[in-house]
Protein backbone atom coordinates (compact mmCIF):
# COMPACT_ATOMS: atom_id res chain seq x y z
CA MET A 1 28.55 7.45 -10.58
CA ILE A 2 27.47 10.73 -8.95
CA PHE A 3 23.71 9.77 -9.11
CA ALA A 4 24.31 6.47 -7.17
CA ALA A 5 26.83 8.08 -4.83
CA TYR A 6 24.39 10.90 -3.84
CA LEU A 7 21.70 8.39 -3.15
CA ALA A 8 24.04 6.24 -1.05
CA GLN A 9 25.00 9.32 1.03
CA TYR A 10 21.34 10.29 1.48
CA GLU A 11 20.50 6.79 2.71
CA LYS A 12 23.21 7.10 5.38
CA LEU A 13 21.62 10.55 6.32
CA LEU A 14 18.18 8.86 6.65
CA GLN A 15 19.67 6.11 8.80
CA GLN A 16 21.31 8.74 10.99
CA LYS A 17 17.94 10.52 11.33
CA TYR A 18 16.30 7.34 12.28
CA ASN A 19 18.88 6.68 15.04
CA VAL A 20 18.38 10.28 16.33
CA SER A 21 14.61 9.80 16.37
CA THR A 22 14.74 6.81 18.68
CA THR A 23 15.55 9.35 21.49
CA ILE A 24 12.19 11.03 21.03
CA CYS A 25 9.75 9.76 23.68
CA HIS A 26 6.48 10.73 22.05
CA LYS A 27 5.41 7.97 19.62
CA GLY A 28 3.53 10.26 17.24
CA GLU A 29 6.36 12.86 17.09
CA ARG A 30 8.85 9.98 16.68
CA GLY A 31 6.92 8.62 13.65
CA ARG A 32 6.49 12.16 12.14
CA GLN A 33 10.22 12.69 12.34
CA ARG A 34 10.82 9.53 10.25
CA GLU A 35 8.05 10.21 7.81
CA ASN A 36 9.47 13.74 7.28
CA GLY A 37 12.92 12.33 6.44
CA LEU A 38 11.73 10.42 3.40
CA ALA A 39 9.17 13.16 2.40
CA MET A 40 11.95 15.86 2.50
CA PHE A 41 14.10 13.62 0.30
CA LEU A 42 11.26 13.27 -2.21
CA ARG A 43 10.51 16.98 -2.26
CA GLU A 44 14.18 17.81 -2.93
CA THR A 45 14.71 15.16 -5.60
CA LEU A 46 11.65 14.41 -7.57
CA PRO A 47 11.07 16.23 -10.89
CA ALA A 48 9.10 19.55 -10.44
CA ALA A 49 6.01 17.91 -11.85
CA TYR A 50 5.46 15.85 -8.84
CA GLY A 51 4.27 17.40 -5.71
CA VAL A 52 4.65 15.65 -2.21
CA ALA A 53 1.87 15.97 0.29
CA THR A 54 0.73 14.38 3.60
CA GLY A 55 -2.89 13.90 4.45
CA GLU A 56 -5.98 12.44 2.83
CA VAL A 57 -6.98 11.25 -0.70
CA ILE A 58 -10.48 12.44 -1.58
CA PRO A 59 -12.73 10.82 -4.28
CA TYR A 60 -14.65 12.75 -6.88
CA MET A 61 -17.88 11.86 -5.26
CA GLY A 62 -18.98 10.71 -1.72
CA ALA A 63 -18.51 12.14 1.75
CA SER A 64 -15.66 9.96 2.93
CA ALA A 65 -11.92 10.54 2.37
CA SER A 66 -9.13 7.97 2.66
CA PRO A 67 -7.34 7.36 6.01
CA GLN A 68 -4.48 9.56 6.73
CA CYS A 69 -1.57 8.93 4.25
CA ASP A 70 2.02 9.62 5.15
CA ILE A 71 3.32 10.53 1.74
CA ILE A 72 1.16 11.42 -1.28
CA ILE A 73 2.95 11.97 -4.63
CA TYR A 74 0.54 13.95 -6.90
CA ASP A 75 0.33 15.89 -10.16
CA LYS A 76 1.67 19.32 -9.09
CA LEU A 77 1.18 20.85 -12.61
CA ARG A 78 -2.50 20.14 -13.21
CA MET A 79 -4.24 18.94 -10.08
CA PRO A 80 -5.54 21.45 -7.40
CA ILE A 81 -5.21 20.25 -3.75
CA PHE A 82 -6.75 21.73 -0.64
CA GLY A 83 -4.65 22.87 2.37
CA THR A 84 -1.32 23.36 0.51
CA SER A 85 0.02 25.51 3.34
CA GLU A 86 -1.54 23.45 6.11
CA PRO A 87 -0.03 20.57 8.00
CA VAL A 88 -2.61 18.21 6.41
CA GLN A 89 -3.50 18.37 2.67
CA GLN A 90 -6.42 16.81 0.77
CA VAL A 91 -5.55 15.47 -2.76
CA PRO A 92 -8.14 14.39 -5.30
CA LEU A 93 -7.61 10.73 -6.19
CA GLU A 94 -7.59 11.60 -9.95
CA GLY A 95 -4.29 13.45 -9.38
CA VAL A 96 -2.49 10.85 -7.32
CA TYR A 97 0.65 9.06 -8.71
CA ALA A 98 1.73 7.20 -5.56
CA ILE A 99 1.04 6.65 -1.89
CA ILE A 100 3.93 5.74 0.43
CA GLU A 101 3.30 4.51 4.07
CA THR A 102 6.38 4.98 6.14
CA LYS A 103 7.02 2.88 9.27
CA SER A 104 9.86 2.66 11.84
CA VAL A 105 9.69 -1.13 11.84
CA LEU A 106 8.23 -3.35 9.19
CA ASP A 107 6.46 -6.04 11.21
CA SER A 108 3.16 -8.04 10.97
CA LYS A 109 1.23 -5.09 12.33
CA ALA A 110 2.69 -2.54 9.80
CA ILE A 111 1.81 -5.05 6.98
CA ALA A 112 -1.72 -5.43 8.28
CA ASP A 113 -2.19 -1.73 8.62
CA ALA A 114 -0.99 -1.17 5.05
CA ILE A 115 -3.32 -3.84 3.64
CA ASP A 116 -6.29 -2.18 5.35
CA LYS A 117 -5.31 1.30 4.25
CA PHE A 118 -4.38 0.40 0.68
CA ARG A 119 -7.59 -1.54 0.19
CA LYS A 120 -9.72 1.41 1.38
CA ILE A 121 -8.02 3.77 -1.10
CA LYS A 122 -8.32 1.28 -4.00
CA ASN A 123 -12.08 1.12 -3.23
CA LEU A 124 -12.61 4.86 -3.63
CA PRO A 125 -14.81 5.77 -6.52
CA ARG A 126 -13.11 7.33 -9.58
CA CYS A 127 -14.54 9.54 -12.26
CA LYS A 128 -14.57 8.25 -15.88
CA ASN A 129 -11.60 9.03 -17.99
CA LYS A 130 -12.47 11.12 -21.03
CA LYS A 131 -10.10 9.23 -23.30
CA PRO A 132 -8.18 5.95 -23.41
CA LEU A 133 -4.86 5.75 -21.48
CA ARG A 134 -1.69 5.88 -23.56
CA LYS A 135 -0.49 2.46 -24.59
CA GLY A 136 1.38 0.47 -21.90
CA SER A 137 0.34 2.85 -19.08
CA GLN A 138 -1.73 2.35 -15.99
CA ARG A 139 -3.88 4.89 -14.19
CA GLY A 140 -2.40 4.39 -10.66
CA PRO A 141 -1.91 5.16 -7.95
CA LEU A 142 1.14 3.12 -6.90
CA PHE A 143 1.51 1.93 -3.33
CA TRP A 144 4.69 1.55 -1.37
CA LEU A 145 5.27 0.40 2.28
CA PHE A 146 8.64 1.93 3.43
CA GLY A 147 10.33 1.14 6.64
CA TYR A 148 13.66 1.81 8.36
CA ARG A 149 14.02 -1.66 9.97
CA LEU A 150 12.78 -4.99 8.81
CA SER A 151 11.20 -7.15 11.52
CA ALA A 152 8.92 -9.34 9.39
CA SER A 153 10.32 -12.13 7.08
CA THR A 154 10.89 -11.27 3.54
CA THR A 155 8.39 -13.93 2.65
CA ALA A 156 5.70 -12.05 4.55
CA CYS A 157 6.62 -8.92 2.58
CA ILE A 158 6.31 -10.76 -0.77
CA ASP A 159 3.02 -12.37 0.40
CA PHE A 160 1.72 -8.86 1.20
CA MET A 161 2.66 -7.54 -2.29
CA ARG A 162 0.96 -10.52 -3.99
CA GLU A 163 -2.14 -10.27 -1.85
CA ILE A 164 -2.90 -6.59 -2.29
CA SER A 165 -1.47 -5.85 -5.68
CA ASP A 166 -3.37 -5.13 -8.89
CA SER A 167 -1.09 -5.22 -11.94
CA ALA A 168 2.18 -5.10 -9.88
CA ASP A 169 1.21 -1.70 -8.22
CA VAL A 170 2.53 -2.51 -4.66
CA GLY A 171 6.13 -2.50 -3.42
CA VAL A 172 7.96 -2.90 -0.03
CA ALA A 173 11.23 -1.31 0.98
CA ALA A 174 13.28 -1.79 4.28
CA LEU A 175 16.17 0.61 4.39
CA ASP A 176 18.34 -1.82 6.29
CA LYS A 177 17.71 -4.98 4.26
CA GLY A 178 16.34 -4.41 0.80
CA LEU A 179 13.10 -4.28 -1.14
CA GLY A 180 10.37 -6.26 -2.79
CA ILE A 181 10.17 -5.76 -6.61
CA TRP A 182 8.22 -7.18 -9.51
CA VAL A 183 10.20 -9.02 -12.18
CA GLU A 184 9.11 -10.52 -15.46
CA MET A 185 9.52 -14.26 -15.75
CA PRO A 186 10.78 -15.95 -18.97
CA GLN A 187 7.26 -17.18 -19.75
CA GLY A 188 5.96 -13.61 -19.66
CA SER A 189 4.31 -13.60 -16.20
CA ILE A 190 5.28 -11.16 -13.47
CA THR A 191 6.11 -12.06 -9.92
CA ALA A 192 7.30 -10.47 -6.75
CA VAL A 193 10.75 -11.21 -5.43
CA TRP A 194 12.95 -9.89 -2.67
CA MET A 195 16.12 -8.06 -3.54
CA ASN A 196 18.77 -7.86 -0.84
CA THR A 197 20.59 -4.49 -0.92
CA SER A 198 21.80 -2.63 2.12
CA ASP A 199 23.81 -4.68 4.70
CA GLU A 200 25.12 -2.58 7.61
CA LYS A 201 27.83 -5.02 8.30
CA ASP A 202 29.39 -4.55 4.89
CA ASP A 203 28.60 -0.77 4.78
CA PHE A 204 26.42 -1.23 1.68
CA HIS A 205 23.91 1.55 1.04
CA GLU A 206 21.84 0.69 -2.01
CA THR A 207 18.18 0.39 -0.87
CA LEU A 208 17.28 4.07 -1.37
CA ALA A 209 19.01 4.02 -4.76
CA TYR A 210 17.06 1.03 -6.09
CA PHE A 211 13.86 2.29 -4.32
CA PHE A 212 14.18 5.75 -6.02
CA ALA A 213 15.12 4.50 -9.41
CA GLY A 214 12.16 1.98 -9.36
CA LEU A 215 9.83 4.78 -8.21
CA LEU A 216 10.94 7.07 -11.04
CA ASN A 217 10.51 4.31 -13.60
CA GLU A 218 7.03 3.51 -12.26
CA LEU A 219 5.87 7.12 -12.09
CA GLU A 220 6.49 7.31 -15.88
CA THR A 221 4.14 4.43 -16.49
CA ILE A 222 1.24 6.35 -14.86
CA ASP A 223 -1.27 8.09 -17.06
CA LEU A 224 -3.70 10.03 -14.83
CA GLY A 225 -5.94 10.51 -17.72
CA THR A 226 -8.17 13.57 -18.60
CA ARG A 227 -10.82 14.59 -16.11
CA ASN A 228 -14.05 16.58 -16.39
CA TYR A 229 -13.83 18.70 -13.24
CA PHE A 230 -17.62 19.40 -13.34
CA GLU A 231 -17.97 15.84 -12.20
CA PHE A 232 -16.20 16.89 -8.92
CA LEU A 233 -19.12 19.23 -8.18
CA GLY A 234 -21.81 16.42 -8.22
CA ASP A 235 -24.92 16.12 -10.28
CA LYS A 236 -27.07 19.24 -10.30
């Protein structure tokens, strides 16, 4: 199982980088170090069609961008972005597949911050799609809250997913404990549940593997649609 073994080893590497980052005194730099660890993994591992940026999501109209986003997965083949070579990029919402917020510790404050940020992004205006989405797809973006250590209860994480989610589009992952996932119930409904994975006592390293496999599956359900780029220029 080379695929799973690679992800298990990379999870160990992320945990090691997290442990090293705890020695950094500056809070902002410490957070950036941890954010970069996951971003680098995604840049190295995601298919070439997906770009990985950090910065702001911008709507096709209006003067306000989203709050700063740790990781933005976007359409690298068809969507132009601004500031590719800069520390901060601006990505049009119409080209965004997923947004991932990374936290050192998943606690009540991290959850509250994610709720506020995700809602602001969900409320950004979107241009009309020129044709219907393919059957069984959603327009996105997906939202993930990713942390290295879980301080909040798993119940709080599941409540967060249920509160902020539209059509099962929000997930939570804690590298040391597991992740919140959406499952289909026998009666056909979908509900959020907690899946225990990594346990340092038993040297299990499965969280990253399940997070990445789930992310890949979810990305394939996204249809960003067909845009009219003249709409991005505003009415003239």
